[in-house]
Amino acid sequence: MTTPVNRKEHKDIPKNILLTWDLLKWVEARSDELDVSHSAYVRSLIAADQQRVQNELLQAEADLNSPNPAQILNSLASLLTKHPELVRLLEKLLTGQK
């Protein structure tokens, strides 16, 4: 049996949500299995999704900041394909022309 939750302490905001019948039954069954309230179960799902998104954002930022040579070459090739004037400038730099 779960202990009562002090809503003020948790800073809960009463909010109505709409669920389809099958999702409602799933939430009821799963929260009963876990022996938590329906709202606690839904809060845990939201918290888990929030953590997943934060982890994905951190990983994406780390990927952008890591010097992956293959990624740098791919970006450079894409840039040179889109801007042929850069190819001409690089050729001039390599041959020592101004």
PDB file of N, CA and C in Angstrom:
ATOM      1  N   MET A   1       0.851  -1.191   0.000  1.00  0.00           N
ATOM      2  CA  MET A   1       0.000   0.000   0.000  1.00  0.00           C
ATOM      3  C   MET A   1       0.886   1.240   0.000  1.00  0.00           C
ATOM      4  N   THR A   2       0.553   2.181  -0.850  1.00  0.00           N
ATOM      5  CA  THR A   2       1.349   3.395  -0.947  1.00  0.00           C
ATOM      6  C   THR A   2       0.967   4.364   0.154  1.00  0.00           C
ATOM      7  N   THR A   3       1.932   5.184   0.523  1.00  0.00           N
ATOM      8  CA  THR A   3       1.661   6.194   1.537  1.00  0.00           C
ATOM      9  C   THR A   3       1.066   7.418   0.854  1.00  0.00           C
ATOM     10  N   PRO A   4       0.197   8.134   1.543  1.00  0.00           N
ATOM     11  CA  PRO A   4      -0.392   9.335   0.939  1.00  0.00           C
ATOM     12  C   PRO A   4       0.699  10.360   0.613  1.00  0.00           C
ATOM     13  N   VAL A   5       0.449  11.121  -0.429  1.00  0.00           N
ATOM     14  CA  VAL A   5       1.418  12.116  -0.884  1.00  0.00           C
ATOM     15  C   VAL A   5       0.895  13.494  -0.528  1.00  0.00           C
ATOM     16  N   ASN A   6       1.774  14.317   0.043  1.00  0.00           N
ATOM     17  CA  ASN A   6       1.420  15.690   0.354  1.00  0.00           C
ATOM     18  C   ASN A   6       1.569  16.499  -0.931  1.00  0.00           C
ATOM     19  N   ARG A   7       0.445  16.859  -1.554  1.00  0.00           N
ATOM     20  CA  ARG A   7       0.461  17.532  -2.857  1.00  0.00           C
ATOM     21  C   ARG A   7       1.153  18.892  -2.787  1.00  0.00           C
ATOM     22  N   LYS A   8       0.965  19.623  -1.687  1.00  0.00           N
ATOM     23  CA  LYS A   8       1.596  20.932  -1.558  1.00  0.00           C
ATOM     24  C   LYS A   8       3.118  20.774  -1.499  1.00  0.00           C
ATOM     25  N   GLU A   9       3.580  19.768  -0.781  1.00  0.00           N
ATOM     26  CA  GLU A   9       5.019  19.516  -0.655  1.00  0.00           C
ATOM     27  C   GLU A   9       5.642  19.175  -2.009  1.00  0.00           C
ATOM     28  N   HIS A  10       4.905  18.445  -2.841  1.00  0.00           N
ATOM     29  CA  HIS A  10       5.398  18.076  -4.166  1.00  0.00           C
ATOM     30  C   HIS A  10       5.170  19.172  -5.197  1.00  0.00           C
ATOM     31  N   LYS A  11       4.524  20.249  -4.773  1.00  0.00           N
ATOM     32  CA  LYS A  11       4.200  21.370  -5.667  1.00  0.00           C
ATOM     33  C   LYS A  11       3.378  20.900  -6.864  1.00  0.00           C
ATOM     34  N   ASP A  12       2.479  19.955  -6.611  1.00  0.00           N
ATOM     35  CA  ASP A  12       1.642  19.431  -7.683  1.00  0.00           C
ATOM     36  C   ASP A  12       0.653  20.489  -8.156  1.00  0.00           C
ATOM     37  N   ILE A  13       0.441  20.497  -9.455  1.00  0.00           N
ATOM     38  CA  ILE A  13      -0.539  21.386 -10.075  1.00  0.00           C
ATOM     39  C   ILE A  13      -1.635  20.493 -10.637  1.00  0.00           C
ATOM     40  N   PRO A  14      -2.868  20.661 -10.166  1.00  0.00           N
ATOM     41  CA  PRO A  14      -3.939  19.830 -10.716  1.00  0.00           C
ATOM     42  C   PRO A  14      -4.147  20.141 -12.193  1.00  0.00           C
ATOM     43  N   LYS A  15      -4.073  19.128 -13.014  1.00  0.00           N
ATOM     44  CA  LYS A  15      -4.208  19.314 -14.460  1.00  0.00           C
ATOM     45  C   LYS A  15      -4.952  18.117 -15.023  1.00  0.00           C
ATOM     46  N   ASN A  16      -6.023  18.381 -15.745  1.00  0.00           N
ATOM     47  CA  ASN A  16      -6.760  17.295 -16.380  1.00  0.00           C
ATOM     48  C   ASN A  16      -6.042  16.873 -17.648  1.00  0.00           C
ATOM     49  N   ILE A  17      -5.931  15.572 -17.839  1.00  0.00           N
ATOM     50  CA  ILE A  17      -5.374  15.060 -19.081  1.00  0.00           C
ATOM     51  C   ILE A  17      -6.388  14.104 -19.688  1.00  0.00           C
ATOM     52  N   LEU A  18      -6.370  14.008 -20.980  1.00  0.00           N
ATOM     53  CA  LEU A  18      -7.280  13.121 -21.681  1.00  0.00           C
ATOM     54  C   LEU A  18      -6.510  11.902 -22.162  1.00  0.00           C
ATOM     55  N   LEU A  19      -7.064  10.740 -21.888  1.00  0.00           N
ATOM     56  CA  LEU A  19      -6.455   9.482 -22.315  1.00  0.00           C
ATOM     57  C   LEU A  19      -7.482   8.675 -23.085  1.00  0.00           C
ATOM     58  N   THR A  20      -7.005   7.925 -24.040  1.00  0.00           N
ATOM     59  CA  THR A  20      -7.907   6.985 -24.698  1.00  0.00           C
ATOM     60  C   THR A  20      -8.209   5.855 -23.724  1.00  0.00           C
ATOM     61  N   TRP A  21      -9.235   5.128 -24.000  1.00  0.00           N
ATOM     62  CA  TRP A  21      -9.668   4.063 -23.092  1.00  0.00           C
ATOM     63  C   TRP A  21      -8.558   3.023 -22.881  1.00  0.00           C
ATOM     64  N   ASP A  22      -7.894   2.641 -23.951  1.00  0.00           N
ATOM     65  CA  ASP A  22      -6.845   1.633 -23.812  1.00  0.00           C
ATOM     66  C   ASP A  22      -5.662   2.154 -22.998  1.00  0.00           C
ATOM     67  N   LEU A  23      -5.306   3.427 -23.163  1.00  0.00           N
ATOM     68  CA  LEU A  23      -4.221   3.984 -22.351  1.00  0.00           C
ATOM     69  C   LEU A  23      -4.621   4.110 -20.887  1.00  0.00           C
ATOM     70  N   LEU A  24      -5.862   4.489 -20.646  1.00  0.00           N
ATOM     71  CA  LEU A  24      -6.349   4.576 -19.272  1.00  0.00           C
ATOM     72  C   LEU A  24      -6.262   3.214 -18.591  1.00  0.00           C
ATOM     73  N   LYS A  25      -6.691   2.176 -19.281  1.00  0.00           N
ATOM     74  CA  LYS A  25      -6.642   0.829 -18.710  1.00  0.00           C
ATOM     75  C   LYS A  25      -5.195   0.400 -18.467  1.00  0.00           C
ATOM     76  N   TRP A  26      -4.305   0.769 -19.406  1.00  0.00           N
ATOM     77  CA  TRP A  26      -2.894   0.438 -19.236  1.00  0.00           C
ATOM     78  C   TRP A  26      -2.332   1.129 -17.994  1.00  0.00           C
ATOM     79  N   VAL A  27      -2.599   2.435 -17.844  1.00  0.00           N
ATOM     80  CA  VAL A  27      -2.106   3.190 -16.689  1.00  0.00           C
ATOM     81  C   VAL A  27      -2.652   2.595 -15.400  1.00  0.00           C
ATOM     82  N   GLU A  28      -3.932   2.272 -15.392  1.00  0.00           N
ATOM     83  CA  GLU A  28      -4.522   1.694 -14.180  1.00  0.00           C
ATOM     84  C   GLU A  28      -3.872   0.361 -13.831  1.00  0.00           C
ATOM     85  N   ALA A  29      -3.719  -0.494 -14.830  1.00  0.00           N
ATOM     86  CA  ALA A  29      -3.137  -1.809 -14.575  1.00  0.00           C
ATOM     87  C   ALA A  29      -1.673  -1.693 -14.160  1.00  0.00           C
ATOM     88  N   ARG A  30      -0.917  -0.873 -14.856  1.00  0.00           N
ATOM     89  CA  ARG A  30       0.511  -0.751 -14.556  1.00  0.00           C
ATOM     90  C   ARG A  30       0.752  -0.090 -13.208  1.00  0.00           C
ATOM     91  N   SER A  31      -0.010   0.936 -12.890  1.00  0.00           N
ATOM     92  CA  SER A  31       0.164   1.594 -11.596  1.00  0.00           C
ATOM     93  C   SER A  31      -0.243   0.662 -10.456  1.00  0.00           C
ATOM     94  N   ASP A  32      -1.258  -0.178 -10.683  1.00  0.00           N
ATOM     95  CA  ASP A  32      -1.619  -1.169  -9.667  1.00  0.00           C
ATOM     96  C   ASP A  32      -0.495  -2.190  -9.487  1.00  0.00           C
ATOM     97  N   GLU A  33       0.109  -2.622 -10.584  1.00  0.00           N
ATOM     98  CA  GLU A  33       1.236  -3.557 -10.513  1.00  0.00           C
ATOM     99  C   GLU A  33       2.382  -2.974  -9.699  1.00  0.00           C
ATOM    100  N   LEU A  34       2.665  -1.689  -9.930  1.00  0.00           N
ATOM    101  CA  LEU A  34       3.776  -1.029  -9.250  1.00  0.00           C
ATOM    102  C   LEU A  34       3.397  -0.523  -7.865  1.00  0.00           C
ATOM    103  N   ASP A  35       2.132  -0.599  -7.542  1.00  0.00           N
ATOM    104  CA  ASP A  35       1.598  -0.135  -6.268  1.00  0.00           C
ATOM    105  C   ASP A  35       1.879   1.353  -6.052  1.00  0.00           C
ATOM    106  N   VAL A  36       1.600   2.136  -7.100  1.00  0.00           N
ATOM    107  CA  VAL A  36       1.700   3.591  -7.013  1.00  0.00           C
ATOM    108  C   VAL A  36       0.405   4.190  -7.545  1.00  0.00           C
ATOM    109  N   SER A  37       0.187   5.451  -7.238  1.00  0.00           N
ATOM    110  CA  SER A  37      -1.018   6.106  -7.744  1.00  0.00           C
ATOM    111  C   SER A  37      -0.888   6.325  -9.248  1.00  0.00           C
ATOM    112  N   HIS A  38      -2.031   6.558  -9.883  1.00  0.00           N
ATOM    113  CA  HIS A  38      -2.020   6.800 -11.326  1.00  0.00           C
ATOM    114  C   HIS A  38      -1.183   8.027 -11.652  1.00  0.00           C
ATOM    115  N   SER A  39      -1.369   9.080 -10.883  1.00  0.00           N
ATOM    116  CA  SER A  39      -0.628  10.310 -11.170  1.00  0.00           C
ATOM    117  C   SER A  39       0.871  10.126 -10.914  1.00  0.00           C
ATOM    118  N   ALA A  40       1.235   9.346  -9.901  1.00  0.00           N
ATOM    119  CA  ALA A  40       2.658   9.087  -9.654  1.00  0.00           C
ATOM    120  C   ALA A  40       3.260   8.310 -10.820  1.00  0.00           C
ATOM    121  N   TYR A  41       2.505   7.372 -11.364  1.00  0.00           N
ATOM    122  CA  TYR A  41       3.002   6.605 -12.504  1.00  0.00           C
ATOM    123  C   TYR A  41       3.188   7.498 -13.726  1.00  0.00           C
ATOM    124  N   VAL A  42       2.211   8.355 -13.992  1.00  0.00           N
ATOM    125  CA  VAL A  42       2.318   9.266 -15.137  1.00  0.00           C
ATOM    126  C   VAL A  42       3.468  10.241 -14.922  1.00  0.00           C
ATOM    127  N   ARG A  43       3.632  10.751 -13.694  1.00  0.00           N
ATOM    128  CA  ARG A  43       4.762  11.634 -13.399  1.00  0.00           C
ATOM    129  C   ARG A  43       6.086  10.925 -13.647  1.00  0.00           C
ATOM    130  N   SER A  44       6.160   9.644 -13.273  1.00  0.00           N
ATOM    131  CA  SER A  44       7.412   8.903 -13.484  1.00  0.00           C
ATOM    132  C   SER A  44       7.694   8.728 -14.973  1.00  0.00           C
ATOM    133  N   LEU A  45       6.655   8.541 -15.780  1.00  0.00           N
ATOM    134  CA  LEU A  45       6.853   8.447 -17.232  1.00  0.00           C
ATOM    135  C   LEU A  45       7.374   9.757 -17.801  1.00  0.00           C
ATOM    136  N   ILE A  46       6.805  10.860 -17.343  1.00  0.00           N
ATOM    137  CA  ILE A  46       7.232  12.172 -17.821  1.00  0.00           C
ATOM    138  C   ILE A  46       8.671  12.438 -17.390  1.00  0.00           C
ATOM    139  N   ALA A  47       9.002  12.113 -16.139  1.00  0.00           N
ATOM    140  CA  ALA A  47      10.366  12.324 -15.644  1.00  0.00           C
ATOM    141  C   ALA A  47      11.370  11.478 -16.428  1.00  0.00           C
ATOM    142  N   ALA A  48      11.001  10.236 -16.743  1.00  0.00           N
ATOM    143  CA  ALA A  48      11.892   9.360 -17.508  1.00  0.00           C
ATOM    144  C   ALA A  48      12.089   9.903 -18.923  1.00  0.00           C
ATOM    145  N   ASP A  49      11.030  10.402 -19.539  1.00  0.00           N
ATOM    146  CA  ASP A  49      11.139  10.973 -20.880  1.00  0.00           C
ATOM    147  C   ASP A  49      11.982  12.242 -20.848  1.00  0.00           C
ATOM    148  N   GLN A  50      11.789  13.058 -19.824  1.00  0.00           N
ATOM    149  CA  GLN A  50      12.577  14.279 -19.679  1.00  0.00           C
ATOM    150  C   GLN A  50      14.068  13.933 -19.556  1.00  0.00           C
ATOM    151  N   GLN A  51      14.395  12.932 -18.761  1.00  0.00           N
ATOM    152  CA  GLN A  51      15.787  12.516 -18.596  1.00  0.00           C
ATOM    153  C   GLN A  51      16.361  11.988 -19.906  1.00  0.00           C
ATOM    154  N   ARG A  52      15.560  11.224 -20.652  1.00  0.00           N
ATOM    155  CA  ARG A  52      16.003  10.682 -21.941  1.00  0.00           C
ATOM    156  C   ARG A  52      16.326  11.815 -22.915  1.00  0.00           C
ATOM    157  N   VAL A  53      15.450  12.822 -22.972  1.00  0.00           N
ATOM    158  CA  VAL A  53      15.667  13.957 -23.875  1.00  0.00           C
ATOM    159  C   VAL A  53      16.914  14.734 -23.463  1.00  0.00           C
ATOM    160  N   GLN A  54      17.096  14.955 -22.169  1.00  0.00           N
ATOM    161  CA  GLN A  54      18.287  15.665 -21.705  1.00  0.00           C
ATOM    162  C   GLN A  54      19.551  14.894 -22.060  1.00  0.00           C
ATOM    163  N   ASN A  55      19.522  13.579 -21.907  1.00  0.00           N
ATOM    164  CA  ASN A  55      20.682  12.758 -22.269  1.00  0.00           C
ATOM    165  C   ASN A  55      20.968  12.844 -23.768  1.00  0.00           C
ATOM    166  N   GLU A  56      19.911  12.816 -24.585  1.00  0.00           N
ATOM    167  CA  GLU A  56      20.087  12.933 -26.034  1.00  0.00           C
ATOM    168  C   GLU A  56      20.687  14.282 -26.409  1.00  0.00           C
ATOM    169  N   LEU A  57      20.225  15.345 -25.758  1.00  0.00           N
ATOM    170  CA  LEU A  57      20.757  16.676 -26.045  1.00  0.00           C
ATOM    171  C   LEU A  57      22.222  16.778 -25.638  1.00  0.00           C
ATOM    172  N   LEU A  58      22.568  16.221 -24.480  1.00  0.00           N
ATOM    173  CA  LEU A  58      23.958  16.236 -24.038  1.00  0.00           C
ATOM    174  C   LEU A  58      24.841  15.441 -24.993  1.00  0.00           C
ATOM    175  N   GLN A  59      24.336  14.304 -25.458  1.00  0.00           N
ATOM    176  CA  GLN A  59      25.105  13.481 -26.391  1.00  0.00           C
ATOM    177  C   GLN A  59      25.287  14.193 -27.724  1.00  0.00           C
ATOM    178  N   ALA A  60      24.232  14.842 -28.197  1.00  0.00           N
ATOM    179  CA  ALA A  60      24.319  15.582 -29.458  1.00  0.00           C
ATOM    180  C   ALA A  60      25.321  16.721 -29.334  1.00  0.00           C
ATOM    181  N   GLU A  61      25.312  17.399 -28.192  1.00  0.00           N
ATOM    182  CA  GLU A  61      26.265  18.492 -27.974  1.00  0.00           C
ATOM    183  C   GLU A  61      27.687  17.946 -27.912  1.00  0.00           C
ATOM    184  N   ALA A  62      27.871  16.814 -27.253  1.00  0.00           N
ATOM    185  CA  ALA A  62      29.198  16.199 -27.174  1.00  0.00           C
ATOM    186  C   ALA A  62      29.675  15.776 -28.560  1.00  0.00           C
ATOM    187  N   ASP A  63      28.755  15.242 -29.366  1.00  0.00           N
ATOM    188  CA  ASP A  63      29.112  14.835 -30.723  1.00  0.00           C
ATOM    189  C   ASP A  63      29.550  16.034 -31.565  1.00  0.00           C
ATOM    190  N   LEU A  64      28.866  17.167 -31.376  1.00  0.00           N
ATOM    191  CA  LEU A  64      29.219  18.364 -32.132  1.00  0.00           C
ATOM    192  C   LEU A  64      30.581  18.908 -31.717  1.00  0.00           C
ATOM    193  N   ASN A  65      30.892  18.773 -30.437  1.00  0.00           N
ATOM    194  CA  ASN A  65      32.137  19.334 -29.921  1.00  0.00           C
ATOM    195  C   ASN A  65      33.338  18.397 -30.062  1.00  0.00           C
ATOM    196  N   SER A  66      33.085  17.146 -30.406  1.00  0.00           N
ATOM    197  CA  SER A  66      34.207  16.209 -30.523  1.00  0.00           C
ATOM    198  C   SER A  66      34.820  16.301 -31.921  1.00  0.00           C
ATOM    199  N   PRO A  67      36.133  16.337 -31.996  1.00  0.00           N
ATOM    200  CA  PRO A  67      36.793  16.456 -33.306  1.00  0.00           C
ATOM    201  C   PRO A  67      36.863  15.098 -34.009  1.00  0.00           C
ATOM    202  N   ASN A  68      35.784  14.706 -34.631  1.00  0.00           N
ATOM    203  CA  ASN A  68      35.738  13.453 -35.375  1.00  0.00           C
ATOM    204  C   ASN A  68      36.232  13.736 -36.797  1.00  0.00           C
ATOM    205  N   PRO A  69      37.395  13.207 -37.164  1.00  0.00           N
ATOM    206  CA  PRO A  69      37.956  13.532 -38.486  1.00  0.00           C
ATOM    207  C   PRO A  69      37.033  13.185 -39.650  1.00  0.00           C
ATOM    208  N   ALA A  70      36.365  12.062 -39.585  1.00  0.00           N
ATOM    209  CA  ALA A  70      35.469  11.682 -40.681  1.00  0.00           C
ATOM    210  C   ALA A  70      34.330  12.684 -40.811  1.00  0.00           C
ATOM    211  N   GLN A  71      33.810  13.112 -39.678  1.00  0.00           N
ATOM    212  CA  GLN A  71      32.712  14.078 -39.692  1.00  0.00           C
ATOM    213  C   GLN A  71      33.198  15.424 -40.250  1.00  0.00           C
ATOM    214  N   ILE A  72      34.409  15.818 -39.877  1.00  0.00           N
ATOM    215  CA  ILE A  72      34.968  17.077 -40.372  1.00  0.00           C
ATOM    216  C   ILE A  72      35.161  17.004 -41.882  1.00  0.00           C
ATOM    217  N   LEU A  73      35.694  15.881 -42.377  1.00  0.00           N
ATOM    218  CA  LEU A  73      35.885  15.724 -43.819  1.00  0.00           C
ATOM    219  C   LEU A  73      34.562  15.721 -44.575  1.00  0.00           C
ATOM    220  N   ASN A  74      33.558  15.059 -44.014  1.00  0.00           N
ATOM    221  CA  ASN A  74      32.242  15.048 -44.652  1.00  0.00           C
ATOM    222  C   ASN A  74      31.652  16.453 -44.716  1.00  0.00           C
ATOM    223  N   SER A  75      31.811  17.206 -43.634  1.00  0.00           N
ATOM    224  CA  SER A  75      31.308  18.582 -43.615  1.00  0.00           C
ATOM    225  C   SER A  75      32.044  19.435 -44.630  1.00  0.00           C
ATOM    226  N   LEU A  76      33.358  19.253 -44.706  1.00  0.00           N
ATOM    227  CA  LEU A  76      34.157  20.016 -45.662  1.00  0.00           C
ATOM    228  C   LEU A  76      33.774  19.665 -47.097  1.00  0.00           C
ATOM    229  N   ALA A  77      33.591  18.390 -47.368  1.00  0.00           N
ATOM    230  CA  ALA A  77      33.198  17.967 -48.719  1.00  0.00           C
ATOM    231  C   ALA A  77      31.838  18.550 -49.086  1.00  0.00           C
ATOM    232  N   SER A  78      30.923  18.543 -48.147  1.00  0.00           N
ATOM    233  CA  SER A  78      29.592  19.110 -48.391  1.00  0.00           C
ATOM    234  C   SER A  78      29.692  20.610 -48.651  1.00  0.00           C
ATOM    235  N   LEU A  79      30.512  21.283 -47.863  1.00  0.00           N
ATOM    236  CA  LEU A  79      30.691  22.727 -48.026  1.00  0.00           C
ATOM    237  C   LEU A  79      31.308  23.052 -49.387  1.00  0.00           C
ATOM    238  N   LEU A  80      32.305  22.279 -49.800  1.00  0.00           N
ATOM    239  CA  LEU A  80      32.955  22.522 -51.081  1.00  0.00           C
ATOM    240  C   LEU A  80      32.022  22.224 -52.251  1.00  0.00           C
ATOM    241  N   THR A  81      31.140  21.256 -52.068  1.00  0.00           N
ATOM    242  CA  THR A  81      30.170  20.938 -53.118  1.00  0.00           C
ATOM    243  C   THR A  81      29.164  22.077 -53.279  1.00  0.00           C
ATOM    244  N   LYS A  82      28.750  22.651 -52.177  1.00  0.00           N
ATOM    245  CA  LYS A  82      27.751  23.722 -52.223  1.00  0.00           C
ATOM    246  C   LYS A  82      28.349  25.051 -52.680  1.00  0.00           C
ATOM    247  N   HIS A  83      29.653  25.246 -52.439  1.00  0.00           N
ATOM    248  CA  HIS A  83      30.287  26.534 -52.739  1.00  0.00           C
ATOM    249  C   HIS A  83      31.552  26.310 -53.570  1.00  0.00           C
ATOM    250  N   PRO A  84      31.406  26.202 -54.884  1.00  0.00           N
ATOM    251  CA  PRO A  84      32.572  25.940 -55.743  1.00  0.00           C
ATOM    252  C   PRO A  84      33.615  27.053 -55.691  1.00  0.00           C
ATOM    253  N   GLU A  85      33.221  28.257 -55.313  1.00  0.00           N
ATOM    254  CA  GLU A  85      34.204  29.342 -55.215  1.00  0.00           C
ATOM    255  C   GLU A  85      35.247  29.047 -54.135  1.00  0.00           C
ATOM    256  N   LEU A  86      34.869  28.263 -53.128  1.00  0.00           N
ATOM    257  CA  LEU A  86      35.832  27.869 -52.101  1.00  0.00           C
ATOM    258  C   LEU A  86      36.898  26.935 -52.671  1.00  0.00           C
ATOM    259  N   VAL A  87      36.512  26.097 -53.622  1.00  0.00           N
ATOM    260  CA  VAL A  87      37.469  25.199 -54.273  1.00  0.00           C
ATOM    261  C   VAL A  87      38.517  26.021 -55.002  1.00  0.00           C
ATOM    262  N   ARG A  88      38.053  27.036 -55.737  1.00  0.00           N
ATOM    263  CA  ARG A  88      38.993  27.894 -56.465  1.00  0.00           C
ATOM    264  C   ARG A  88      39.928  28.632 -55.495  1.00  0.00           C
ATOM    265  N   LEU A  89      39.386  29.099 -54.381  1.00  0.00           N
ATOM    266  CA  LEU A  89      40.204  29.796 -53.380  1.00  0.00           C
ATOM    267  C   LEU A  89      41.244  28.847 -52.781  1.00  0.00           C
ATOM    268  N   LEU A  90      40.847  27.626 -52.484  1.00  0.00           N
ATOM    269  CA  LEU A  90      41.800  26.648 -51.950  1.00  0.00           C
ATOM    270  C   LEU A  90      42.887  26.321 -52.972  1.00  0.00           C
ATOM    271  N   GLU A  91      42.512  26.205 -54.246  1.00  0.00           N
ATOM    272  CA  GLU A  91      43.499  25.936 -55.297  1.00  0.00           C
ATOM    273  C   GLU A  91      44.522  27.079 -55.371  1.00  0.00           C
ATOM    274  N   LYS A  92      44.046  28.312 -55.265  1.00  0.00           N
ATOM    275  CA  LYS A  92      44.958  29.462 -55.281  1.00  0.00           C
ATOM    276  C   LYS A  92      45.891  29.445 -54.082  1.00  0.00           C
ATOM    277  N   LEU A  93      45.353  29.098 -52.912  1.00  0.00           N
ATOM    278  CA  LEU A  93      46.182  29.039 -51.705  1.00  0.00           C
ATOM    279  C   LEU A  93      47.245  27.959 -51.831  1.00  0.00           C
ATOM    280  N   LEU A  94      46.870  26.840 -52.400  1.00  0.00           N
ATOM    281  CA  LEU A  94      47.813  25.722 -52.540  1.00  0.00           C
ATOM    282  C   LEU A  94      48.913  26.016 -53.564  1.00  0.00           C
ATOM    283  N   THR A  95      48.572  26.761 -54.600  1.00  0.00           N
ATOM    284  CA  THR A  95      49.571  27.074 -55.639  1.00  0.00           C
ATOM    285  C   THR A  95      50.325  28.368 -55.320  1.00  0.00           C
ATOM    286  N   GLY A  96      49.943  29.054 -54.266  1.00  0.00           N
ATOM    287  CA  GLY A  96      50.640  30.281 -53.867  1.00  0.00           C
ATOM    288  C   GLY A  96      50.219  31.491 -54.641  1.00  0.00           C
ATOM    289  N   GLN A  97      49.104  31.440 -55.330  1.00  0.00           N
ATOM    290  CA  GLN A  97      48.617  32.587 -56.092  1.00  0.00           C
ATOM    291  C   GLN A  97      47.816  33.504 -55.186  1.00  0.00           C
ATOM    292  N   LYS A  98      47.686  34.747 -55.648  1.00  0.00           N
ATOM    293  CA  LYS A  98      46.863  35.705 -54.899  1.00  0.00           C
ATOM    294  C   LYS A  98      45.592  36.001 -55.643  1.00  0.00           C
TER     295      LYS A  98
END
